Amino acid sequence: MENKEIQVIKVNSQENLETVFAIRREVFVEEQHCPPELEWEFEEESVHFLATVSSEPAGAARWRQTEKGYKLERFAVLKEFRGMGVGQKLVEAVLTDLPSNAEYVYLHAQVTAMGLYKKLNFVAEGDLFEEAGIQHYKMVLSK
């Protein structure tokens, strides 16, 4: 695998937000068959991120504050960029961006992505559940 430059930026333009939505549409709606009405929620209150590989759009993620704490969501990496470390860079960038007082940080991990989150100090909590037809576990960041 040749070394490609992975960059993650916080989205601050409508153009980048559209790119994020296009990545999520391809991964979640088209590839994973998530119902579109479940995909597009809480967009206004979320902080979005765009990952690029050698300047090509490759992945997306977001975080938002909830009643429980800070939830990391919508981690999506386009098929052709998987296995390059894009997901890890996205998680690291999102964690770095959280407010310093973010005590409780959690996410709903697709079973296939749990290894990535475990590597970054997330611990599975509770039972397996289904969200948008996909098996998930709640995972919490351990301090």
C-alpha atoms as a PDB file:
ATOM      1  CA  MET A   1       0.000   0.000   0.000  1.00  0.00           C
ATOM      2  CA  GLU A   2       1.613   3.236  -1.045  1.00  0.00           C
ATOM      3  CA  ASN A   3       1.574   6.049   1.455  1.00  0.00           C
ATOM      4  CA  LYS A   4      -1.259   8.439   0.647  1.00  0.00           C
ATOM      5  CA  GLU A   5      -1.740  11.680   2.500  1.00  0.00           C
ATOM      6  CA  ILE A   6      -4.844  11.551   4.689  1.00  0.00           C
ATOM      7  CA  GLN A   7      -6.236  14.858   5.892  1.00  0.00           C
ATOM      8  CA  VAL A   8      -9.287  15.531   8.027  1.00  0.00           C
ATOM      9  CA  ILE A   9     -10.860  18.975   8.156  1.00  0.00           C
ATOM     10  CA  LYS A  10     -13.731  20.406  10.126  1.00  0.00           C
ATOM     11  CA  VAL A  11     -16.457  21.331   7.647  1.00  0.00           C
ATOM     12  CA  ASN A  12     -17.090  25.070   7.438  1.00  0.00           C
ATOM     13  CA  SER A  13     -18.500  25.531   3.945  1.00  0.00           C
ATOM     14  CA  GLN A  14     -21.678  24.445   2.212  1.00  0.00           C
ATOM     15  CA  GLU A  15     -19.590  22.851  -0.543  1.00  0.00           C
ATOM     16  CA  ASN A  16     -17.738  20.614   1.925  1.00  0.00           C
ATOM     17  CA  LEU A  17     -20.989  19.771   3.689  1.00  0.00           C
ATOM     18  CA  GLU A  18     -22.468  18.636   0.368  1.00  0.00           C
ATOM     19  CA  THR A  19     -19.409  16.405  -0.129  1.00  0.00           C
ATOM     20  CA  VAL A  20     -19.921  14.913   3.348  1.00  0.00           C
ATOM     21  CA  PHE A  21     -23.580  14.218   2.526  1.00  0.00           C
ATOM     22  CA  ALA A  22     -22.609  12.617  -0.801  1.00  0.00           C
ATOM     23  CA  ILE A  23     -20.169  10.269   0.963  1.00  0.00           C
ATOM     24  CA  ARG A  24     -22.783   9.328   3.545  1.00  0.00           C
ATOM     25  CA  ARG A  25     -25.400   8.794   0.833  1.00  0.00           C
ATOM     26  CA  GLU A  26     -23.066   6.422  -1.036  1.00  0.00           C
ATOM     27  CA  VAL A  27     -21.995   4.439   2.053  1.00  0.00           C
ATOM     28  CA  PHE A  28     -25.148   4.341   4.150  1.00  0.00           C
ATOM     29  CA  VAL A  29     -28.078   4.734   1.761  1.00  0.00           C
ATOM     30  CA  GLU A  30     -26.750   3.048  -1.390  1.00  0.00           C
ATOM     31  CA  GLU A  31     -24.250   0.503  -0.075  1.00  0.00           C
ATOM     32  CA  GLN A  32     -25.801  -0.386   3.305  1.00  0.00           C
ATOM     33  CA  HIS A  33     -29.433   0.281   2.322  1.00  0.00           C
ATOM     34  CA  CYS A  34     -30.224   2.565   5.263  1.00  0.00           C
ATOM     35  CA  PRO A  35     -33.553   4.341   4.844  1.00  0.00           C
ATOM     36  CA  PRO A  36     -32.772   7.921   3.751  1.00  0.00           C
ATOM     37  CA  GLU A  37     -35.198   9.346   6.312  1.00  0.00           C
ATOM     38  CA  LEU A  38     -33.086   7.817   9.093  1.00  0.00           C
ATOM     39  CA  GLU A  39     -29.840   9.088   7.611  1.00  0.00           C
ATOM     40  CA  TRP A  40     -30.616  12.810   7.563  1.00  0.00           C
ATOM     41  CA  GLU A  41     -31.280  13.930  11.125  1.00  0.00           C
ATOM     42  CA  PHE A  42     -29.631  16.325  13.585  1.00  0.00           C
ATOM     43  CA  GLU A  43     -27.537  17.859  10.775  1.00  0.00           C
ATOM     44  CA  GLU A  44     -27.826  21.452  12.023  1.00  0.00           C
ATOM     45  CA  GLU A  45     -26.631  20.710  15.548  1.00  0.00           C
ATOM     46  CA  SER A  46     -23.746  18.475  14.468  1.00  0.00           C
ATOM     47  CA  VAL A  47     -20.097  19.327  13.829  1.00  0.00           C
ATOM     48  CA  HIS A  48     -19.112  17.651  10.559  1.00  0.00           C
ATOM     49  CA  PHE A  49     -15.747  16.418   9.283  1.00  0.00           C
ATOM     50  CA  LEU A  50     -14.427  15.542   5.845  1.00  0.00           C
ATOM     51  CA  ALA A  51     -11.481  13.223   5.238  1.00  0.00           C
ATOM     52  CA  THR A  52      -9.481  13.322   2.038  1.00  0.00           C
ATOM     53  CA  VAL A  53      -6.809  11.021   0.633  1.00  0.00           C
ATOM     54  CA  SER A  54      -4.396  12.863  -1.655  1.00  0.00           C
ATOM     55  CA  SER A  55      -7.037  15.634  -1.865  1.00  0.00           C
ATOM     56  CA  GLU A  56      -9.799  13.200  -2.980  1.00  0.00           C
ATOM     57  CA  PRO A  57     -12.930  13.079  -0.768  1.00  0.00           C
ATOM     58  CA  ALA A  58     -12.728   9.773   1.123  1.00  0.00           C
ATOM     59  CA  GLY A  59     -14.676   9.838   4.379  1.00  0.00           C
ATOM     60  CA  ALA A  60     -16.979  11.709   6.702  1.00  0.00           C
ATOM     61  CA  ALA A  61     -18.004  11.868  10.353  1.00  0.00           C
ATOM     62  CA  ARG A  62     -19.681  14.134  12.881  1.00  0.00           C
ATOM     63  CA  TRP A  63     -20.210  14.705  16.585  1.00  0.00           C
ATOM     64  CA  ARG A  64     -23.040  16.291  18.477  1.00  0.00           C
ATOM     65  CA  GLN A  65     -23.988  16.962  22.056  1.00  0.00           C
ATOM     66  CA  THR A  66     -26.888  14.862  23.357  1.00  0.00           C
ATOM     67  CA  GLU A  67     -28.628  14.592  26.726  1.00  0.00           C
ATOM     68  CA  LYS A  68     -26.190  11.788  27.640  1.00  0.00           C
ATOM     69  CA  GLY A  69     -22.964  13.443  26.522  1.00  0.00           C
ATOM     70  CA  TYR A  70     -21.076  13.678  23.240  1.00  0.00           C
ATOM     71  CA  LYS A  71     -22.032  11.258  20.497  1.00  0.00           C
ATOM     72  CA  LEU A  72     -19.738  10.435  17.591  1.00  0.00           C
ATOM     73  CA  GLU A  73     -21.718   9.485  14.508  1.00  0.00           C
ATOM     74  CA  ARG A  74     -21.911   8.782  10.804  1.00  0.00           C
ATOM     75  CA  PHE A  75     -18.390   7.498  10.272  1.00  0.00           C
ATOM     76  CA  ALA A  76     -18.309   6.629   6.584  1.00  0.00           C
ATOM     77  CA  VAL A  77     -15.364   5.769   4.361  1.00  0.00           C
ATOM     78  CA  LEU A  78     -15.834   5.238   0.638  1.00  0.00           C
ATOM     79  CA  LYS A  79     -15.106   1.666  -0.434  1.00  0.00           C
ATOM     80  CA  GLU A  80     -12.010   2.504  -2.490  1.00  0.00           C
ATOM     81  CA  PHE A  81     -10.361   4.216   0.524  1.00  0.00           C
ATOM     82  CA  ARG A  82     -10.990   1.535   3.151  1.00  0.00           C
ATOM     83  CA  GLY A  83      -8.016  -0.134   4.813  1.00  0.00           C
ATOM     84  CA  MET A  84      -5.828   2.972   4.500  1.00  0.00           C
ATOM     85  CA  GLY A  85      -6.369   4.379   7.998  1.00  0.00           C
ATOM     86  CA  VAL A  86      -8.990   6.953   6.995  1.00  0.00           C
ATOM     87  CA  GLY A  87     -11.448   5.779   9.662  1.00  0.00           C
ATOM     88  CA  GLN A  88      -8.838   6.019  12.387  1.00  0.00           C
ATOM     89  CA  LYS A  89      -7.825   9.533  11.322  1.00  0.00           C
ATOM     90  CA  LEU A  90     -11.501  10.569  11.356  1.00  0.00           C
ATOM     91  CA  VAL A  91     -12.046   9.222  14.885  1.00  0.00           C
ATOM     92  CA  GLU A  92      -8.855  10.907  16.113  1.00  0.00           C
ATOM     93  CA  ALA A  93      -9.832  14.254  14.545  1.00  0.00           C
ATOM     94  CA  VAL A  94     -13.333  14.138  16.000  1.00  0.00           C
ATOM     95  CA  LEU A  95     -12.024  13.255  19.476  1.00  0.00           C
ATOM     96  CA  THR A  96      -9.498  16.103  19.298  1.00  0.00           C
ATOM     97  CA  ASP A  97     -12.267  18.543  18.383  1.00  0.00           C
ATOM     98  CA  LEU A  98     -14.540  17.709  21.324  1.00  0.00           C
ATOM     99  CA  PRO A  99     -14.791  20.322  24.089  1.00  0.00           C
ATOM    100  CA  SER A 100     -12.293  19.779  26.915  1.00  0.00           C
ATOM    101  CA  ASN A 101     -15.192  19.189  29.321  1.00  0.00           C
ATOM    102  CA  ALA A 102     -16.572  16.297  27.248  1.00  0.00           C
ATOM    103  CA  GLU A 103     -16.798  13.726  30.041  1.00  0.00           C
ATOM    104  CA  TYR A 104     -19.062  11.124  28.463  1.00  0.00           C
ATOM    105  CA  VAL A 105     -18.190  10.252  24.865  1.00  0.00           C
ATOM    106  CA  TYR A 106     -20.012   7.438  23.088  1.00  0.00           C
ATOM    107  CA  LEU A 107     -21.031   6.040  19.726  1.00  0.00           C
ATOM    108  CA  HIS A 108     -23.122   3.310  18.167  1.00  0.00           C
ATOM    109  CA  ALA A 109     -20.612   1.053  16.403  1.00  0.00           C
ATOM    110  CA  GLN A 110     -21.496  -1.218  13.538  1.00  0.00           C
ATOM    111  CA  VAL A 111     -20.210  -4.652  14.532  1.00  0.00           C
ATOM    112  CA  THR A 112     -17.772  -4.661  11.603  1.00  0.00           C
ATOM    113  CA  ALA A 113     -16.161  -1.405  12.843  1.00  0.00           C
ATOM    114  CA  MET A 114     -15.754  -2.327  16.511  1.00  0.00           C
ATOM    115  CA  GLY A 115     -12.075  -3.250  16.139  1.00  0.00           C
ATOM    116  CA  LEU A 116     -11.237   0.286  15.038  1.00  0.00           C
ATOM    117  CA  TYR A 117     -13.033   1.854  17.988  1.00  0.00           C
ATOM    118  CA  LYS A 118     -11.506  -0.621  20.476  1.00  0.00           C
ATOM    119  CA  LYS A 119      -8.060   0.396  19.223  1.00  0.00           C
ATOM    120  CA  LEU A 120      -8.951   3.994  20.120  1.00  0.00           C
ATOM    121  CA  ASN A 121     -10.060   3.207  23.701  1.00  0.00           C
ATOM    122  CA  PHE A 122     -13.783   2.664  23.189  1.00  0.00           C
ATOM    123  CA  VAL A 123     -15.374  -0.147  25.189  1.00  0.00           C
ATOM    124  CA  ALA A 124     -18.549  -2.004  24.229  1.00  0.00           C
ATOM    125  CA  GLU A 125     -21.421  -1.580  26.667  1.00  0.00           C
ATOM    126  CA  GLY A 126     -24.757  -3.367  26.789  1.00  0.00           C
ATOM    127  CA  ASP A 127     -26.391  -5.692  24.293  1.00  0.00           C
ATOM    128  CA  LEU A 128     -26.273  -5.967  20.543  1.00  0.00           C
ATOM    129  CA  PHE A 129     -29.027  -3.886  18.916  1.00  0.00           C
ATOM    130  CA  GLU A 130     -30.257  -3.078  15.446  1.00  0.00           C
ATOM    131  CA  GLU A 131     -30.237   0.410  13.969  1.00  0.00           C
ATOM    132  CA  ALA A 132     -31.372   0.989  10.369  1.00  0.00           C
ATOM    133  CA  GLY A 133     -31.235  -2.766   9.798  1.00  0.00           C
ATOM    134  CA  ILE A 134     -27.576  -3.053  10.883  1.00  0.00           C
ATOM    135  CA  GLN A 135     -26.180  -4.702  14.032  1.00  0.00           C
ATOM    136  CA  HIS A 136     -24.559  -2.270  16.485  1.00  0.00           C
ATOM    137  CA  TYR A 137     -23.100  -2.057  19.967  1.00  0.00           C
ATOM    138  CA  LYS A 138     -22.970   1.066  22.064  1.00  0.00           C
ATOM    139  CA  MET A 139     -19.333   1.897  22.786  1.00  0.00           C
ATOM    140  CA  VAL A 140     -18.079   4.391  25.355  1.00  0.00           C
ATOM    141  CA  LEU A 141     -14.693   6.117  25.436  1.00  0.00           C
ATOM    142  CA  SER A 142     -12.759   4.931  28.470  1.00  0.00           C
ATOM    143  CA  LYS A 143     -10.597   7.569  30.075  1.00  0.00           C
END
